[in-house]
Amino acid sequence: MNEKELIALLAGVREGSCSLDKAMEQLRNWPQEDMDFACLDHQRSLRTGFPEVIYGENKSSGQISAIFQKMLKQGGVVMATRVDSAKAAKICREIPELVYHREAGMIVAGSSAEKSGRGIIVVLSAGTSDIPVAAEAAVTAAALGHQVESVYDVGVAGLHRLLRQRKLLESAAVIIVVAGMEGALPSVVGGLVDKPVIAVPTSIGYGTAFGGLAALLGMLNSCAPGVAVVNIDNGFGAGCMAAAINRA
C-alpha cells in the first residue's frame, strides 16, 4: 500500500464510503505480514517509494506464488526478479494476471499504465550478451511508471552504432549503460551527454574479465564525470536508481 492508497482508504472511512471493518481488514497485515518462510514488508513503498520485490533465484515456484498472492492483496506494483522460465510457467498458470518478461527473467503485476517522471530513461547495452541485465533494468523502470527506450548492441568496438543514437541520448533524462568485457561504454557515454549515467557491469567476458570484476573496476575508475556504478549484473538496482532520479 502506497501513500496515496493509504490516504484514500482513510478518507473513505471519514466520508463513509468505506466501512471501518473493511478498512481494518485491509490494514490487518500492514505494515508487515509473517509467513512460514518470509516476512513481507508492506510498508516499504510508503517508506521508500519502491515496493518490496521478490528475489526469485533460490525460491521455489510455490514460495514465489504464495508471496505474490499475499502482496497482490495490498495493491500496487509487485515484481519478482531472477525467475527462470520453468518456474515462471508454474507461477503464471496459478496466477494468470502476472506477466513474465523472459529476457529480463522477471514477473510483474500491476505496472503503471500512466507514465511519470521528468523524461525518458534510456537503456543501452554494449553487446547482445548483455541484454538480460539491460532488460531487467528496463522492465524495472517501466513497472515503476517511467517511459523507457532500449537500444542494444552499441558497444565501443563499433562506436558509429552509438553515435547514430545521439538524438535519443540527448532526449534522455537518465541513461543506464550496461556492459561487460572491459566495461568502457559508460565512460564514452558520460563524455557525450549532460545526463546522469548509471553504469551496470555484467559478468560477460573471457577469463580476465573475472566474472564482471574487470568491468566493475573499469567503471569505478571512469574519467567521465556524472557516472555512478551499481553492482555486477544488478539491472534491477539500476532501474530503481534511474526511477528515483527521474522522479526527483
Protein backbone atom coordinates (compact mmCIF):
# COMPACT_ATOMS: atom_id res chain seq x y z
CA MET A 1 0.00 0.00 0.00
CA ASN A 2 1.49 3.34 -1.05
CA GLU A 3 0.87 6.78 0.44
CA LYS A 4 -1.94 7.67 -1.96
CA GLU A 5 -3.76 4.40 -1.31
CA LEU A 6 -3.46 4.79 2.46
CA ILE A 7 -4.77 8.36 2.32
CA ALA A 8 -7.66 7.27 0.08
CA LEU A 9 -8.53 4.45 2.48
CA LEU A 10 -8.60 6.78 5.50
CA ALA A 11 -10.58 9.38 3.54
CA GLY A 12 -13.11 6.72 2.62
CA VAL A 13 -13.61 5.85 6.28
CA ARG A 14 -14.04 9.52 7.15
CA GLU A 15 -16.54 10.13 4.34
CA GLY A 16 -18.46 6.92 4.97
CA SER A 17 -17.77 5.32 1.57
CA CYS A 18 -15.64 2.65 3.28
CA SER A 19 -16.65 0.92 6.49
CA LEU A 20 -14.29 0.77 9.42
CA ASP A 21 -14.44 -3.04 9.32
CA LYS A 22 -13.39 -3.09 5.66
CA ALA A 23 -10.55 -0.65 6.34
CA MET A 24 -9.34 -2.75 9.27
CA GLU A 25 -9.39 -5.86 7.10
CA GLN A 26 -7.22 -4.11 4.51
CA LEU A 27 -4.83 -2.95 7.22
CA ARG A 28 -4.83 -6.26 9.11
CA ASN A 29 -1.43 -7.33 7.72
CA TRP A 30 0.05 -3.84 7.50
CA PRO A 31 2.87 -2.85 7.86
CA GLN A 32 4.24 -6.41 7.83
CA GLU A 33 2.94 -9.92 7.35
CA ASP A 34 4.61 -13.08 8.63
CA MET A 35 4.74 -16.26 6.56
CA ASP A 36 6.46 -19.55 7.34
CA PHE A 37 9.41 -18.66 5.11
CA ALA A 38 9.19 -14.85 4.72
CA CYS A 39 8.22 -11.63 6.47
CA LEU A 40 6.61 -9.25 3.98
CA ASP A 41 7.29 -5.53 4.30
CA HIS A 42 4.04 -3.96 3.06
CA GLN A 43 5.14 -0.52 4.25
CA ARG A 44 8.21 -0.33 2.02
CA SER A 45 6.52 1.55 -0.82
CA LEU A 46 5.22 4.19 1.59
CA ARG A 47 8.60 4.44 3.33
CA THR A 48 10.98 4.40 0.34
CA GLY A 49 8.88 4.91 -2.80
CA PHE A 50 9.76 1.40 -4.02
CA PRO A 51 7.71 -1.75 -3.38
CA GLU A 52 9.23 -4.85 -1.81
CA VAL A 53 10.47 -7.07 -4.64
CA ILE A 54 10.69 -10.86 -4.64
CA TYR A 55 14.20 -12.18 -5.35
CA GLY A 56 13.31 -15.45 -7.04
CA GLU A 57 16.62 -17.17 -7.75
CA ASN A 58 16.70 -19.56 -4.80
CA LYS A 59 12.98 -19.62 -4.04
CA SER A 60 10.66 -22.39 -5.21
CA SER A 61 7.78 -21.63 -7.56
CA GLY A 62 5.42 -22.39 -4.67
CA GLN A 63 7.12 -19.87 -2.40
CA ILE A 64 7.09 -17.17 -5.09
CA SER A 65 3.39 -17.82 -5.84
CA ALA A 66 2.47 -17.62 -2.16
CA ILE A 67 4.32 -14.31 -1.74
CA PHE A 68 2.72 -12.89 -4.89
CA GLN A 69 -0.76 -13.78 -3.64
CA LYS A 70 -0.15 -12.00 -0.33
CA MET A 71 1.41 -8.92 -1.94
CA LEU A 72 -1.25 -8.59 -4.63
CA LYS A 73 -3.87 -8.17 -1.92
CA GLN A 74 -2.08 -4.98 -0.86
CA GLY A 75 -2.31 -3.47 -4.35
CA GLY A 76 0.32 -1.57 -6.29
CA VAL A 77 3.20 -2.94 -8.32
CA VAL A 78 4.55 -6.40 -7.47
CA MET A 79 7.75 -7.70 -9.07
CA ALA A 80 9.90 -10.81 -8.89
CA THR A 81 13.43 -10.90 -10.29
CA ARG A 82 15.72 -13.78 -11.33
CA VAL A 83 12.89 -16.17 -12.19
CA ASP A 84 13.67 -18.82 -14.81
CA SER A 85 11.13 -19.83 -17.45
CA ALA A 86 10.26 -23.18 -15.83
CA LYS A 87 9.36 -21.53 -12.51
CA ALA A 88 7.58 -18.71 -14.28
CA ALA A 89 5.35 -21.09 -16.23
CA LYS A 90 4.11 -22.71 -13.00
CA ILE A 91 3.61 -19.38 -11.24
CA CYS A 92 1.75 -17.74 -14.14
CA ARG A 93 -0.55 -20.75 -14.51
CA GLU A 94 -1.52 -20.34 -10.86
CA ILE A 95 -1.88 -16.52 -11.04
CA PRO A 96 -2.97 -15.64 -14.61
CA GLU A 97 -2.77 -11.83 -14.18
CA LEU A 98 1.01 -12.00 -13.87
CA VAL A 99 3.21 -11.12 -16.85
CA TYR A 100 6.53 -12.89 -17.42
CA HIS A 101 9.31 -10.97 -19.18
CA ARG A 102 11.54 -13.77 -20.42
CA GLU A 103 14.59 -11.70 -21.43
CA ALA A 104 14.64 -9.95 -18.07
CA GLY A 105 13.77 -13.06 -16.04
CA MET A 106 11.10 -11.01 -14.25
CA ILE A 107 7.45 -11.44 -13.32
CA VAL A 108 5.41 -8.25 -12.94
CA ALA A 109 1.89 -7.40 -11.81
CA GLY A 110 0.21 -4.03 -11.54
CA SER A 111 2.71 -1.93 -13.53
CA SER A 112 1.54 1.63 -14.08
CA ALA A 113 -0.03 2.46 -17.44
CA GLU A 114 0.36 6.18 -16.70
CA LYS A 115 3.96 7.23 -17.17
CA SER A 116 5.58 9.54 -14.64
CA GLY A 117 8.92 11.28 -14.19
CA ARG A 118 10.68 14.19 -15.84
CA GLY A 119 11.55 12.39 -19.06
CA ILE A 120 12.72 9.23 -20.78
CA ILE A 121 15.02 6.63 -19.23
CA VAL A 122 17.29 5.26 -21.96
CA VAL A 123 18.87 1.82 -21.50
CA LEU A 124 21.92 0.91 -23.58
CA SER A 125 23.64 -2.46 -23.77
CA ALA A 126 27.16 -2.82 -25.10
CA GLY A 127 26.52 -6.25 -26.60
CA THR A 128 23.73 -8.72 -27.26
CA SER A 129 25.05 -10.89 -24.42
CA ASP A 130 24.35 -8.02 -22.01
CA ILE A 131 20.66 -7.85 -22.94
CA PRO A 132 19.30 -9.89 -19.97
CA VAL A 133 20.75 -7.38 -17.49
CA ALA A 134 19.67 -4.42 -19.63
CA ALA A 135 16.16 -5.89 -19.91
CA GLU A 136 15.98 -6.28 -16.13
CA ALA A 137 16.76 -2.56 -15.77
CA ALA A 138 14.23 -1.58 -18.45
CA VAL A 139 11.39 -3.73 -17.10
CA THR A 140 12.01 -2.46 -13.56
CA ALA A 141 11.91 1.22 -14.56
CA ALA A 142 8.83 0.68 -16.74
CA ALA A 143 6.99 -1.19 -13.97
CA LEU A 144 7.68 1.77 -11.66
CA GLY A 145 5.84 4.01 -14.11
CA HIS A 146 8.59 5.51 -16.29
CA GLN A 147 8.92 5.77 -20.06
CA VAL A 148 11.81 3.61 -21.19
CA GLU A 149 13.64 3.32 -24.52
CA SER A 150 16.16 0.49 -25.04
CA VAL A 151 18.98 0.29 -27.56
CA TYR A 152 21.04 -2.91 -27.77
CA ASP A 153 24.48 -3.77 -29.16
CA VAL A 154 26.13 -0.33 -29.31
CA GLY A 155 29.46 -1.19 -27.69
CA VAL A 156 32.82 0.51 -28.17
CA ALA A 157 34.02 -1.99 -30.79
CA GLY A 158 31.84 -0.09 -33.27
CA LEU A 159 31.33 3.44 -31.97
CA HIS A 160 29.43 4.53 -35.09
CA ARG A 161 26.50 2.46 -33.75
CA LEU A 162 26.39 4.55 -30.59
CA LEU A 163 26.84 7.86 -32.39
CA ARG A 164 23.78 7.12 -34.51
CA GLN A 165 21.79 7.30 -31.25
CA ARG A 166 22.90 10.84 -30.28
CA LYS A 167 19.41 12.30 -30.69
CA LEU A 168 17.92 9.70 -28.34
CA LEU A 169 20.73 10.18 -25.81
CA GLU A 170 20.19 13.93 -25.79
CA SER A 171 16.44 13.45 -25.19
CA ALA A 172 17.01 11.25 -22.12
CA ALA A 173 16.58 12.32 -18.52
CA VAL A 174 18.69 9.40 -17.25
CA ILE A 175 20.82 6.85 -19.11
CA ILE A 176 21.55 3.31 -17.95
CA VAL A 177 24.60 1.76 -19.64
CA VAL A 178 25.11 -1.99 -19.37
CA ALA A 179 28.45 -3.52 -20.40
CA GLY A 180 30.72 -6.46 -19.74
CA MET A 181 34.24 -7.19 -21.03
CA GLU A 182 36.36 -4.11 -20.14
CA GLY A 183 33.28 -2.01 -19.27
CA ALA A 184 34.30 1.04 -21.34
CA LEU A 185 30.91 2.09 -22.72
CA PRO A 186 29.67 4.15 -19.71
CA SER A 187 32.79 6.35 -19.87
CA VAL A 188 32.19 7.01 -23.56
CA VAL A 189 28.53 7.85 -22.97
CA GLY A 190 29.45 10.02 -19.98
CA GLY A 191 31.72 12.05 -22.23
CA LEU A 192 28.93 12.70 -24.74
CA VAL A 193 25.96 13.81 -22.60
CA ASP A 194 24.99 16.11 -19.74
CA LYS A 195 22.70 13.46 -18.17
CA PRO A 196 23.18 11.19 -15.14
CA VAL A 197 24.72 7.91 -16.33
CA ILE A 198 24.18 4.73 -14.33
CA ALA A 199 26.78 2.10 -15.23
CA VAL A 200 26.00 -1.59 -14.84
CA PRO A 201 28.90 -4.06 -15.17
CA THR A 202 27.94 -7.53 -16.34
CA SER A 203 29.62 -10.88 -15.81
CA ILE A 204 30.11 -11.28 -19.59
CA GLY A 205 33.70 -11.72 -20.79
CA TYR A 206 36.67 -14.04 -21.18
CA GLY A 207 38.95 -15.24 -18.37
CA THR A 208 40.47 -11.99 -17.14
CA ALA A 209 37.03 -10.37 -17.05
CA PHE A 210 36.82 -12.25 -13.71
CA GLY A 211 33.05 -12.60 -13.83
CA GLY A 212 32.46 -8.86 -14.24
CA LEU A 213 35.10 -7.60 -11.83
CA ALA A 214 37.18 -6.07 -14.65
CA ALA A 215 34.12 -4.17 -15.95
CA LEU A 216 33.21 -3.05 -12.42
CA LEU A 217 36.71 -1.69 -11.75
CA GLY A 218 36.82 -0.01 -15.16
CA MET A 219 33.53 1.77 -14.47
CA LEU A 220 34.58 2.79 -10.95
CA ASN A 221 37.74 4.29 -12.48
CA SER A 222 35.82 6.20 -15.17
CA CYS A 223 37.33 9.59 -16.04
CA ALA A 224 33.91 10.86 -17.20
CA PRO A 225 32.06 12.90 -14.55
CA GLY A 226 28.45 12.08 -13.74
CA VAL A 227 28.85 8.29 -13.94
CA ALA A 228 27.63 6.19 -10.98
CA VAL A 229 28.06 2.42 -10.74
CA VAL A 230 25.87 -0.38 -9.37
CA ASN A 231 26.85 -3.97 -8.63
CA ILE A 232 27.68 -6.63 -11.20
CA ASP A 233 24.57 -7.78 -13.16
CA ASN A 234 22.34 -5.55 -11.00
CA GLY A 235 19.91 -4.34 -13.65
CA PHE A 236 17.17 -4.15 -11.04
CA GLY A 237 19.18 -1.75 -8.88
CA ALA A 238 19.97 0.42 -11.90
CA GLY A 239 16.29 0.57 -12.85
CA CYS A 240 15.34 1.68 -9.33
CA MET A 241 18.10 4.31 -9.21
CA ALA A 242 17.06 5.68 -12.60
CA ALA A 243 13.44 5.87 -11.44
CA ALA A 244 14.48 7.72 -8.27
CA ILE A 245 16.49 10.26 -10.29
CA ASN A 246 13.76 10.68 -12.90
CA ARG A 247 11.03 11.34 -10.35
CA ALA A 248 13.12 13.80 -8.29
